[in-house]
Amino acid sequence: MPLARTADLLAAAVQARRGLPAFNVITLEHAEAITAGAERAGAAVVLQLSQNAVAYHGGRLLPLARACAELAAAARVPAALHLDHVEDFELLRAAPAAGFSSVMYDASRLAPAENVKATARAVEWAHRHGLHLEAELGRIGGKSGEPPLDAHAPGTRTDPAEAAGFVADTGVDALAVAVGSSHAMTTRTAALDHALIRRLAAAVPVPLVLHGSSGVPDTELGAAITAGMVKINIGTALNTAGTAAIRAELGAHPELVDPRRYLTPAREAMTGVVAELAALVVDSPAGRA
C-alpha cells in the first residue's frame, strides 16, 4: 500500500483510542524486521530514523531513508517514515524530499525560552512543507551515549501547565513528555507516573509520545497507553534482541565470516520483538477523549 503519513496514523490511533507503535531504524535489517513484525501483528507502524543513525551512515540521509520508504510502501500494513531527534535544522530541511512525513525536532537541551523559540521556528518551517512536527518537553535521559537520567530526580518530569503553554506557544503537533522512562535502557524496569500521564493528556491538546519505551515493562506500557500515551517509541529493545542473536550464532559457530549467517537470526529476533510489542501497543486502550 502507499507510504502512510504519520499524522494520519496518529489521528486514527486517537480516534480508535489505542496506541501507535514507532520503532527506530539503524540498519536495513532493522527496517526489514519492523515491517515484517508489524505485518505479523497486523499493526500500523512508524519507522523512525534518528539524526544519530544518519551520522552513523556518514551523514547521508537518502540511502537508508529510501530503503525504508520502499519497505514501508510494500508493507501489508500502513507504515510511515519519521525523522527522529533532529537537532540540525539542515537535516529538518532534507526530510520532505527523503520521504518523511514527520520530524521530531529536539531542542530540549536548550533553556526553556530558547526551546520554545527554536521549536516554534521548526514548526513554522515544517508546516509550510507539509510535515507533522513532534517536540520534547522535560528531561528524558540516555541520549547520544549519555548515562540514563534519574527519572525520579526533581525537575525531571514534564509539568502539565508548562506543557500546555509550550504547545500553545510553538504549535507542535505531538509532544514527547518525561514521565519516568529513559532512552537506552537495556532492562525493562522503568516505573512510569500514570497519574502525571493522565494530567498531561487532559492538559495537552495534541497526542503524547513516550520515548524510551524499551525500558518499560508490558504492564506499565499498557497502563501508560490507557492513561493517555499515544505514540510509543521503541529502539533499544530491537538492538538487545538482535545483538543477543548475533552473539549466540557466533558463539556456536566461531568460524563464520558470512554476515548473512548471523544477521538472519538477528533480523528474526528483532522481528519477534516488533510483533510482540506492536501487538501490545495496539491492543492497549488509550485514555484520550
C-alpha atoms as a PDB file:
ATOM      1  CA  MET A   1       0.000   0.000   0.000  1.00  0.00           C
ATOM      2  CA  PRO A   2       1.169   3.619  -0.445  1.00  0.00           C
ATOM      3  CA  LEU A   3       3.504   5.144   2.112  1.00  0.00           C
ATOM      4  CA  ALA A   4       1.347   6.355   5.009  1.00  0.00           C
ATOM      5  CA  ARG A   5       1.594   9.693   6.785  1.00  0.00           C
ATOM      6  CA  THR A   6       2.428   9.810  10.495  1.00  0.00           C
ATOM      7  CA  ALA A   7      -0.264  12.425  11.150  1.00  0.00           C
ATOM      8  CA  ASP A   8      -2.924  10.137   9.672  1.00  0.00           C
ATOM      9  CA  LEU A   9      -1.743   7.137  11.707  1.00  0.00           C
ATOM     10  CA  LEU A  10      -1.745   9.228  14.889  1.00  0.00           C
ATOM     11  CA  ALA A  11      -5.217  10.586  14.151  1.00  0.00           C
ATOM     12  CA  ALA A  12      -6.500   7.042  13.563  1.00  0.00           C
ATOM     13  CA  ALA A  13      -4.924   5.854  16.821  1.00  0.00           C
ATOM     14  CA  VAL A  14      -6.510   8.706  18.791  1.00  0.00           C
ATOM     15  CA  GLN A  15      -9.881   8.064  17.125  1.00  0.00           C
ATOM     16  CA  ALA A  16      -9.703   4.338  17.904  1.00  0.00           C
ATOM     17  CA  ARG A  17      -8.393   5.061  21.427  1.00  0.00           C
ATOM     18  CA  ARG A  18      -5.275   2.922  21.061  1.00  0.00           C
ATOM     19  CA  GLY A  19      -1.514   3.315  20.821  1.00  0.00           C
ATOM     20  CA  LEU A  20       0.689   3.703  17.732  1.00  0.00           C
ATOM     21  CA  PRO A  21       3.996   1.764  17.761  1.00  0.00           C
ATOM     22  CA  ALA A  22       7.099   3.508  16.391  1.00  0.00           C
ATOM     23  CA  PHE A  23      10.419   1.678  16.041  1.00  0.00           C
ATOM     24  CA  ASN A  24      13.891   3.084  15.391  1.00  0.00           C
ATOM     25  CA  VAL A  25      15.927   2.018  12.367  1.00  0.00           C
ATOM     26  CA  ILE A  26      19.716   1.807  12.341  1.00  0.00           C
ATOM     27  CA  THR A  27      20.381  -0.761   9.607  1.00  0.00           C
ATOM     28  CA  LEU A  28      18.447  -2.265   6.712  1.00  0.00           C
ATOM     29  CA  GLU A  29      17.834  -5.328   8.902  1.00  0.00           C
ATOM     30  CA  HIS A  30      16.043  -3.122  11.438  1.00  0.00           C
ATOM     31  CA  ALA A  31      13.724  -1.767   8.743  1.00  0.00           C
ATOM     32  CA  GLU A  32      13.009  -5.243   7.394  1.00  0.00           C
ATOM     33  CA  ALA A  33      12.295  -6.520  10.904  1.00  0.00           C
ATOM     34  CA  ILE A  34       9.987  -3.606  11.692  1.00  0.00           C
ATOM     35  CA  THR A  35       7.821  -4.033   8.613  1.00  0.00           C
ATOM     36  CA  ALA A  36       7.746  -7.833   8.945  1.00  0.00           C
ATOM     37  CA  GLY A  37       6.918  -7.660  12.662  1.00  0.00           C
ATOM     38  CA  ALA A  38       4.181  -5.073  12.107  1.00  0.00           C
ATOM     39  CA  GLU A  39       2.661  -7.291   9.431  1.00  0.00           C
ATOM     40  CA  ARG A  40       2.795 -10.254  11.808  1.00  0.00           C
ATOM     41  CA  ALA A  41       0.954  -8.183  14.438  1.00  0.00           C
ATOM     42  CA  GLY A  42      -1.442  -6.616  11.933  1.00  0.00           C
ATOM     43  CA  ALA A  43      -0.467  -3.188  13.256  1.00  0.00           C
ATOM     44  CA  ALA A  44       0.144   0.171  11.625  1.00  0.00           C
ATOM     45  CA  VAL A  45       3.681   1.286  12.343  1.00  0.00           C
ATOM     46  CA  VAL A  46       6.111   4.200  12.151  1.00  0.00           C
ATOM     47  CA  LEU A  47       9.700   3.601  11.021  1.00  0.00           C
ATOM     48  CA  GLN A  48      11.982   6.139  12.701  1.00  0.00           C
ATOM     49  CA  LEU A  49      15.437   7.188  11.553  1.00  0.00           C
ATOM     50  CA  SER A  50      17.285   9.378  14.049  1.00  0.00           C
ATOM     51  CA  GLN A  51      19.911  12.037  13.492  1.00  0.00           C
ATOM     52  CA  ASN A  52      22.379   9.725  15.248  1.00  0.00           C
ATOM     53  CA  ALA A  53      21.589   6.932  12.785  1.00  0.00           C
ATOM     54  CA  VAL A  54      22.116   9.330   9.895  1.00  0.00           C
ATOM     55  CA  ALA A  55      25.503  10.256  11.394  1.00  0.00           C
ATOM     56  CA  TYR A  56      26.357   6.544  11.645  1.00  0.00           C
ATOM     57  CA  HIS A  57      25.761   6.263   7.896  1.00  0.00           C
ATOM     58  CA  GLY A  58      28.269   9.001   7.184  1.00  0.00           C
ATOM     59  CA  GLY A  59      25.737  11.806   7.376  1.00  0.00           C
ATOM     60  CA  ARG A  60      23.977  10.510   4.250  1.00  0.00           C
ATOM     61  CA  LEU A  61      20.212  10.507   4.768  1.00  0.00           C
ATOM     62  CA  LEU A  62      18.910   9.301   1.421  1.00  0.00           C
ATOM     63  CA  PRO A  63      20.280   5.731   1.062  1.00  0.00           C
ATOM     64  CA  LEU A  64      18.682   4.281   4.198  1.00  0.00           C
ATOM     65  CA  ALA A  65      15.675   6.611   4.016  1.00  0.00           C
ATOM     66  CA  ARG A  66      14.843   5.426   0.504  1.00  0.00           C
ATOM     67  CA  ALA A  67      15.231   1.799   1.545  1.00  0.00           C
ATOM     68  CA  CYS A  68      12.870   2.422   4.475  1.00  0.00           C
ATOM     69  CA  ALA A  69      10.390   4.128   2.159  1.00  0.00           C
ATOM     70  CA  GLU A  70      10.398   1.171  -0.220  1.00  0.00           C
ATOM     71  CA  LEU A  71       9.873  -1.309   2.609  1.00  0.00           C
ATOM     72  CA  ALA A  72       7.124   0.814   4.176  1.00  0.00           C
ATOM     73  CA  ALA A  73       5.306   1.236   0.865  1.00  0.00           C
ATOM     74  CA  ALA A  74       5.474  -2.525   0.219  1.00  0.00           C
ATOM     75  CA  ALA A  75       4.207  -3.470   3.691  1.00  0.00           C
ATOM     76  CA  ARG A  76       0.786  -5.071   4.091  1.00  0.00           C
ATOM     77  CA  VAL A  77       0.017  -2.673   6.950  1.00  0.00           C
ATOM     78  CA  PRO A  78       0.070   1.143   6.968  1.00  0.00           C
ATOM     79  CA  ALA A  79       3.641   2.326   7.563  1.00  0.00           C
ATOM     80  CA  ALA A  80       5.039   5.856   7.783  1.00  0.00           C
ATOM     81  CA  LEU A  81       8.514   7.405   7.992  1.00  0.00           C
ATOM     82  CA  HIS A  82       9.579   9.696  10.839  1.00  0.00           C
ATOM     83  CA  LEU A  83      12.878  11.553  11.280  1.00  0.00           C
ATOM     84  CA  ASP A  84      13.713  11.388  14.982  1.00  0.00           C
ATOM     85  CA  HIS A  85      15.637  13.596  17.456  1.00  0.00           C
ATOM     86  CA  VAL A  86      16.696  16.160  14.879  1.00  0.00           C
ATOM     87  CA  GLU A  87      18.840  18.979  16.246  1.00  0.00           C
ATOM     88  CA  ASP A  88      20.328  20.100  12.920  1.00  0.00           C
ATOM     89  CA  PHE A  89      17.955  22.450  11.064  1.00  0.00           C
ATOM     90  CA  GLU A  90      19.506  21.452   7.732  1.00  0.00           C
ATOM     91  CA  LEU A  91      18.535  17.837   8.377  1.00  0.00           C
ATOM     92  CA  LEU A  92      14.972  19.012   9.035  1.00  0.00           C
ATOM     93  CA  ARG A  93      15.038  20.742   5.646  1.00  0.00           C
ATOM     94  CA  ALA A  94      16.045  17.464   3.974  1.00  0.00           C
ATOM     95  CA  ALA A  95      13.110  15.492   5.395  1.00  0.00           C
ATOM     96  CA  PRO A  96      10.323  16.117   2.831  1.00  0.00           C
ATOM     97  CA  ALA A  97      12.381  15.148  -0.207  1.00  0.00           C
ATOM     98  CA  ALA A  98      13.555  11.978   1.566  1.00  0.00           C
ATOM     99  CA  GLY A  99      10.002  10.676   2.084  1.00  0.00           C
ATOM    100  CA  PHE A 100       9.450  11.635   5.720  1.00  0.00           C
ATOM    101  CA  SER A 101       6.022  12.929   6.697  1.00  0.00           C
ATOM    102  CA  SER A 102       7.016  13.822  10.266  1.00  0.00           C
ATOM    103  CA  VAL A 103      10.001  15.019  12.248  1.00  0.00           C
ATOM    104  CA  MET A 104      10.802  15.133  15.958  1.00  0.00           C
ATOM    105  CA  TYR A 105      12.734  18.383  16.405  1.00  0.00           C
ATOM    106  CA  ASP A 106      14.693  18.150  19.634  1.00  0.00           C
ATOM    107  CA  ALA A 107      15.609  21.452  21.275  1.00  0.00           C
ATOM    108  CA  SER A 108      15.106  20.029  24.779  1.00  0.00           C
ATOM    109  CA  ARG A 109      18.762  20.617  25.721  1.00  0.00           C
ATOM    110  CA  LEU A 110      18.199  24.364  25.432  1.00  0.00           C
ATOM    111  CA  ALA A 111      16.920  26.663  28.156  1.00  0.00           C
ATOM    112  CA  PRO A 112      13.091  26.749  28.217  1.00  0.00           C
ATOM    113  CA  ALA A 113      12.717  30.068  26.398  1.00  0.00           C
ATOM    114  CA  GLU A 114      15.227  29.021  23.733  1.00  0.00           C
ATOM    115  CA  ASN A 115      13.491  25.640  23.364  1.00  0.00           C
ATOM    116  CA  VAL A 116      10.230  27.450  22.634  1.00  0.00           C
ATOM    117  CA  LYS A 117      11.878  29.815  20.155  1.00  0.00           C
ATOM    118  CA  ALA A 118      13.751  27.078  18.266  1.00  0.00           C
ATOM    119  CA  THR A 119      10.790  24.714  18.223  1.00  0.00           C
ATOM    120  CA  ALA A 120       8.369  27.398  17.000  1.00  0.00           C
ATOM    121  CA  ARG A 121      10.769  28.158  14.131  1.00  0.00           C
ATOM    122  CA  ALA A 122      10.941  24.453  13.271  1.00  0.00           C
ATOM    123  CA  VAL A 123       7.138  24.131  13.413  1.00  0.00           C
ATOM    124  CA  GLU A 124       6.656  27.117  11.113  1.00  0.00           C
ATOM    125  CA  TRP A 125       9.037  25.655   8.536  1.00  0.00           C
ATOM    126  CA  ALA A 126       7.656  22.116   8.892  1.00  0.00           C
ATOM    127  CA  HIS A 127       4.044  23.154   8.419  1.00  0.00           C
ATOM    128  CA  ARG A 128       4.913  25.163   5.308  1.00  0.00           C
ATOM    129  CA  HIS A 129       6.404  21.971   3.854  1.00  0.00           C
ATOM    130  CA  GLY A 130       3.658  19.554   4.870  1.00  0.00           C
ATOM    131  CA  LEU A 131       5.446  17.980   7.831  1.00  0.00           C
ATOM    132  CA  HIS A 132       3.939  16.937  11.170  1.00  0.00           C
ATOM    133  CA  LEU A 133       6.282  18.113  13.932  1.00  0.00           C
ATOM    134  CA  GLU A 134       6.884  16.486  17.311  1.00  0.00           C
ATOM    135  CA  ALA A 135       8.910  18.101  20.088  1.00  0.00           C
ATOM    136  CA  GLU A 136      10.047  17.258  23.620  1.00  0.00           C
ATOM    137  CA  LEU A 137       9.475  18.969  26.940  1.00  0.00           C
ATOM    138  CA  GLY A 138      11.076  17.638  30.104  1.00  0.00           C
ATOM    139  CA  ARG A 139      14.276  15.640  30.538  1.00  0.00           C
ATOM    140  CA  ILE A 140      14.314  12.146  29.032  1.00  0.00           C
ATOM    141  CA  GLY A 141      17.851  10.887  29.622  1.00  0.00           C
ATOM    142  CA  GLY A 142      20.036   8.351  27.869  1.00  0.00           C
ATOM    143  CA  LYS A 143      20.563  10.269  24.604  1.00  0.00           C
ATOM    144  CA  SER A 144      23.702  10.082  22.471  1.00  0.00           C
ATOM    145  CA  GLY A 145      25.555   7.765  24.808  1.00  0.00           C
ATOM    146  CA  GLU A 146      24.878   9.800  27.948  1.00  0.00           C
ATOM    147  CA  PRO A 147      24.018   7.754  31.053  1.00  0.00           C
ATOM    148  CA  PRO A 148      20.319   7.205  31.744  1.00  0.00           C
ATOM    149  CA  LEU A 149      18.907  10.099  33.730  1.00  0.00           C
ATOM    150  CA  ASP A 150      17.390   9.506  37.141  1.00  0.00           C
ATOM    151  CA  ALA A 151      13.778   9.695  36.008  1.00  0.00           C
ATOM    152  CA  HIS A 152      12.698  10.426  39.571  1.00  0.00           C
ATOM    153  CA  ALA A 153      15.023  13.403  40.143  1.00  0.00           C
ATOM    154  CA  PRO A 154      13.385  16.759  40.976  1.00  0.00           C
ATOM    155  CA  GLY A 155      12.663  18.827  37.878  1.00  0.00           C
ATOM    156  CA  THR A 156      12.887  15.866  35.529  1.00  0.00           C
ATOM    157  CA  ARG A 157       9.178  15.314  34.874  1.00  0.00           C
ATOM    158  CA  THR A 158       7.108  17.345  32.431  1.00  0.00           C
ATOM    159  CA  ASP A 159       4.769  19.818  34.140  1.00  0.00           C
ATOM    160  CA  PRO A 160       1.220  19.781  32.648  1.00  0.00           C
ATOM    161  CA  ALA A 161       0.765  23.564  32.790  1.00  0.00           C
ATOM    162  CA  GLU A 162       4.160  24.127  31.158  1.00  0.00           C
ATOM    163  CA  ALA A 163       3.325  21.511  28.535  1.00  0.00           C
ATOM    164  CA  ALA A 164       0.035  23.216  27.662  1.00  0.00           C
ATOM    165  CA  GLY A 165       1.835  26.547  27.349  1.00  0.00           C
ATOM    166  CA  PHE A 166       4.604  25.013  25.242  1.00  0.00           C
ATOM    167  CA  VAL A 167       2.119  23.533  22.778  1.00  0.00           C
ATOM    168  CA  ALA A 168       0.227  26.827  22.545  1.00  0.00           C
ATOM    169  CA  ASP A 169       3.419  28.851  22.050  1.00  0.00           C
ATOM    170  CA  THR A 170       5.026  26.548  19.472  1.00  0.00           C
ATOM    171  CA  GLY A 171       2.135  24.945  17.568  1.00  0.00           C
ATOM    172  CA  VAL A 172       3.657  21.447  17.750  1.00  0.00           C
ATOM    173  CA  ASP A 173       1.574  18.500  16.538  1.00  0.00           C
ATOM    174  CA  ALA A 174       2.722  15.963  19.157  1.00  0.00           C
ATOM    175  CA  LEU A 175       4.631  16.203  22.414  1.00  0.00           C
ATOM    176  CA  ALA A 176       7.168  13.820  23.928  1.00  0.00           C
ATOM    177  CA  VAL A 177       6.985  14.055  27.711  1.00  0.00           C
ATOM    178  CA  ALA A 178       9.129  12.900  30.636  1.00  0.00           C
ATOM    179  CA  VAL A 179       7.079  10.599  32.870  1.00  0.00           C
ATOM    180  CA  GLY A 180       9.641   8.102  34.181  1.00  0.00           C
ATOM    181  CA  SER A 181      11.244   6.424  31.167  1.00  0.00           C
ATOM    182  CA  SER A 182      14.768   6.906  29.789  1.00  0.00           C
ATOM    183  CA  HIS A 183      16.440   6.255  26.455  1.00  0.00           C
ATOM    184  CA  ALA A 184      18.862   3.339  26.006  1.00  0.00           C
ATOM    185  CA  MET A 185      17.564   1.192  28.874  1.00  0.00           C
ATOM    186  CA  THR A 186      18.502  -2.477  28.401  1.00  0.00           C
ATOM    187  CA  THR A 187      16.336  -3.736  31.268  1.00  0.00           C
ATOM    188  CA  ARG A 188      12.575  -3.296  31.472  1.00  0.00           C
ATOM    189  CA  THR A 189      12.447  -1.787  34.938  1.00  0.00           C
ATOM    190  CA  ALA A 190      11.064   1.735  34.390  1.00  0.00           C
ATOM    191  CA  ALA A 191       8.170   2.770  36.630  1.00  0.00           C
ATOM    192  CA  LEU A 192       6.000   5.415  34.989  1.00  0.00           C
ATOM    193  CA  ASP A 193       3.962   8.159  36.654  1.00  0.00           C
ATOM    194  CA  HIS A 194       0.497   7.248  35.365  1.00  0.00           C
ATOM    195  CA  ALA A 195      -1.243   9.986  37.337  1.00  0.00           C
ATOM    196  CA  LEU A 196       1.022  12.528  35.621  1.00  0.00           C
ATOM    197  CA  ILE A 197       0.260  10.990  32.221  1.00  0.00           C
ATOM    198  CA  ARG A 198      -3.461  11.444  32.854  1.00  0.00           C
ATOM    199  CA  ARG A 199      -2.908  15.068  33.867  1.00  0.00           C
ATOM    200  CA  LEU A 200      -0.793  15.701  30.776  1.00  0.00           C
ATOM    201  CA  ALA A 201      -3.361  14.070  28.497  1.00  0.00           C
ATOM    202  CA  ALA A 202      -6.060  16.301  29.977  1.00  0.00           C
ATOM    203  CA  ALA A 203      -3.935  19.464  29.647  1.00  0.00           C
ATOM    204  CA  VAL A 204      -2.339  18.968  26.234  1.00  0.00           C
ATOM    205  CA  PRO A 205      -4.473  19.056  23.054  1.00  0.00           C
ATOM    206  CA  VAL A 206      -2.038  17.011  20.917  1.00  0.00           C
ATOM    207  CA  PRO A 207      -1.007  13.325  21.084  1.00  0.00           C
ATOM    208  CA  LEU A 208       1.522  12.427  23.767  1.00  0.00           C
ATOM    209  CA  VAL A 209       4.663  10.487  22.884  1.00  0.00           C
ATOM    210  CA  LEU A 210       6.539   8.091  25.172  1.00  0.00           C
ATOM    211  CA  HIS A 211      10.274   7.947  24.448  1.00  0.00           C
ATOM    212  CA  GLY A 212      12.481   5.272  25.995  1.00  0.00           C
ATOM    213  CA  SER A 213       9.742   2.632  25.877  1.00  0.00           C
ATOM    214  CA  SER A 214      12.228  -0.257  25.621  1.00  0.00           C
ATOM    215  CA  GLY A 215      12.773   0.029  29.370  1.00  0.00           C
ATOM    216  CA  VAL A 216       9.071  -0.099  30.221  1.00  0.00           C
ATOM    217  CA  PRO A 217       7.519  -3.460  31.278  1.00  0.00           C
ATOM    218  CA  ASP A 218       4.418  -4.712  29.448  1.00  0.00           C
ATOM    219  CA  THR A 219       2.014  -3.885  32.263  1.00  0.00           C
ATOM    220  CA  GLU A 220       3.459  -0.385  32.679  1.00  0.00           C
ATOM    221  CA  LEU A 221       3.324   0.199  28.937  1.00  0.00           C
ATOM    222  CA  GLY A 222      -0.301  -0.873  28.705  1.00  0.00           C
ATOM    223  CA  ALA A 223      -1.199   1.318  31.661  1.00  0.00           C
ATOM    224  CA  ALA A 224       0.582   4.291  30.069  1.00  0.00           C
ATOM    225  CA  ILE A 225      -1.496   3.940  26.908  1.00  0.00           C
ATOM    226  CA  THR A 226      -4.646   3.607  28.982  1.00  0.00           C
ATOM    227  CA  ALA A 227      -3.650   6.798  30.825  1.00  0.00           C
ATOM    228  CA  GLY A 228      -3.246   8.744  27.587  1.00  0.00           C
ATOM    229  CA  MET A 229       0.028   7.985  25.788  1.00  0.00           C
ATOM    230  CA  VAL A 230      -0.434   7.524  22.041  1.00  0.00           C
ATOM    231  CA  LYS A 231       2.841   7.210  20.096  1.00  0.00           C
ATOM    232  CA  ILE A 232       5.165   4.649  21.687  1.00  0.00           C
ATOM    233  CA  ASN A 233       8.835   4.899  20.650  1.00  0.00           C
ATOM    234  CA  ILE A 234      10.918   1.715  20.844  1.00  0.00           C
ATOM    235  CA  GLY A 235      14.531   1.249  19.791  1.00  0.00           C
ATOM    236  CA  THR A 236      16.909  -0.403  22.262  1.00  0.00           C
ATOM    237  CA  ALA A 237      14.710  -3.494  22.624  1.00  0.00           C
ATOM    238  CA  LEU A 238      15.419  -4.353  18.989  1.00  0.00           C
ATOM    239  CA  ASN A 239      19.163  -3.845  19.436  1.00  0.00           C
ATOM    240  CA  THR A 240      19.191  -6.018  22.552  1.00  0.00           C
ATOM    241  CA  ALA A 241      17.433  -8.904  20.787  1.00  0.00           C
ATOM    242  CA  GLY A 242      19.440  -8.602  17.589  1.00  0.00           C
ATOM    243  CA  THR A 243      22.794  -8.422  19.355  1.00  0.00           C
ATOM    244  CA  ALA A 244      21.955 -11.422  21.546  1.00  0.00           C
ATOM    245  CA  ALA A 245      21.143 -13.472  18.448  1.00  0.00           C
ATOM    246  CA  ILE A 246      24.425 -12.481  16.793  1.00  0.00           C
ATOM    247  CA  ARG A 247      26.414 -13.355  19.911  1.00  0.00           C
ATOM    248  CA  ALA A 248      24.711 -16.747  20.134  1.00  0.00           C
ATOM    249  CA  GLU A 249      25.314 -17.543  16.456  1.00  0.00           C
ATOM    250  CA  LEU A 250      28.966 -16.509  16.501  1.00  0.00           C
ATOM    251  CA  GLY A 251      29.494 -18.268  19.828  1.00  0.00           C
ATOM    252  CA  ALA A 252      28.120 -21.508  18.392  1.00  0.00           C
ATOM    253  CA  HIS A 253      29.944 -21.080  15.067  1.00  0.00           C
ATOM    254  CA  PRO A 254      33.124 -19.043  15.599  1.00  0.00           C
ATOM    255  CA  GLU A 255      34.292 -19.890  12.090  1.00  0.00           C
ATOM    256  CA  LEU A 256      31.510 -17.826  10.485  1.00  0.00           C
ATOM    257  CA  VAL A 257      32.522 -14.946   8.239  1.00  0.00           C
ATOM    258  CA  ASP A 258      29.381 -14.617   6.080  1.00  0.00           C
ATOM    259  CA  PRO A 259      27.288 -11.881   7.721  1.00  0.00           C
ATOM    260  CA  ARG A 260      24.102 -13.386   6.311  1.00  0.00           C
ATOM    261  CA  ARG A 261      24.538 -16.349   8.634  1.00  0.00           C
ATOM    262  CA  TYR A 262      24.380 -14.204  11.789  1.00  0.00           C
ATOM    263  CA  LEU A 263      22.300 -11.279  10.540  1.00  0.00           C
ATOM    264  CA  THR A 264      19.449 -13.604   9.578  1.00  0.00           C
ATOM    265  CA  PRO A 265      18.791 -14.788  13.170  1.00  0.00           C
ATOM    266  CA  ALA A 266      19.330 -11.202  14.360  1.00  0.00           C
ATOM    267  CA  ARG A 267      16.676  -9.932  11.967  1.00  0.00           C
ATOM    268  CA  GLU A 268      14.268 -12.667  13.008  1.00  0.00           C
ATOM    269  CA  ALA A 269      14.836 -11.912  16.699  1.00  0.00           C
ATOM    270  CA  MET A 270      14.079  -8.230  16.071  1.00  0.00           C
ATOM    271  CA  THR A 271      11.008  -9.185  14.041  1.00  0.00           C
ATOM    272  CA  GLY A 272       9.694 -11.146  17.003  1.00  0.00           C
ATOM    273  CA  VAL A 273      10.196  -8.211  19.365  1.00  0.00           C
ATOM    274  CA  VAL A 274       8.408  -5.856  16.950  1.00  0.00           C
ATOM    275  CA  ALA A 275       5.476  -8.246  16.554  1.00  0.00           C
ATOM    276  CA  GLU A 276       5.113  -8.711  20.312  1.00  0.00           C
ATOM    277  CA  LEU A 277       5.383  -5.039  21.259  1.00  0.00           C
ATOM    278  CA  ALA A 278       3.323  -3.759  18.334  1.00  0.00           C
ATOM    279  CA  ALA A 279       0.503  -6.109  19.298  1.00  0.00           C
ATOM    280  CA  LEU A 280       0.721  -4.920  22.910  1.00  0.00           C
ATOM    281  CA  VAL A 281       0.605  -1.262  21.892  1.00  0.00           C
ATOM    282  CA  VAL A 282      -2.356  -1.523  19.534  1.00  0.00           C
ATOM    283  CA  ASP A 283      -4.326  -3.774  21.882  1.00  0.00           C
ATOM    284  CA  SER A 284      -3.968  -1.425  24.871  1.00  0.00           C
ATOM    285  CA  PRO A 285      -6.853   1.067  25.081  1.00  0.00           C
ATOM    286  CA  ALA A 286      -5.878   4.729  25.054  1.00  0.00           C
ATOM    287  CA  GLY A 287      -7.332   7.066  27.621  1.00  0.00           C
ATOM    288  CA  ARG A 288      -7.588  10.212  25.493  1.00  0.00           C
ATOM    289  CA  ALA A 289     -11.029  11.518  24.582  1.00  0.00           C
END
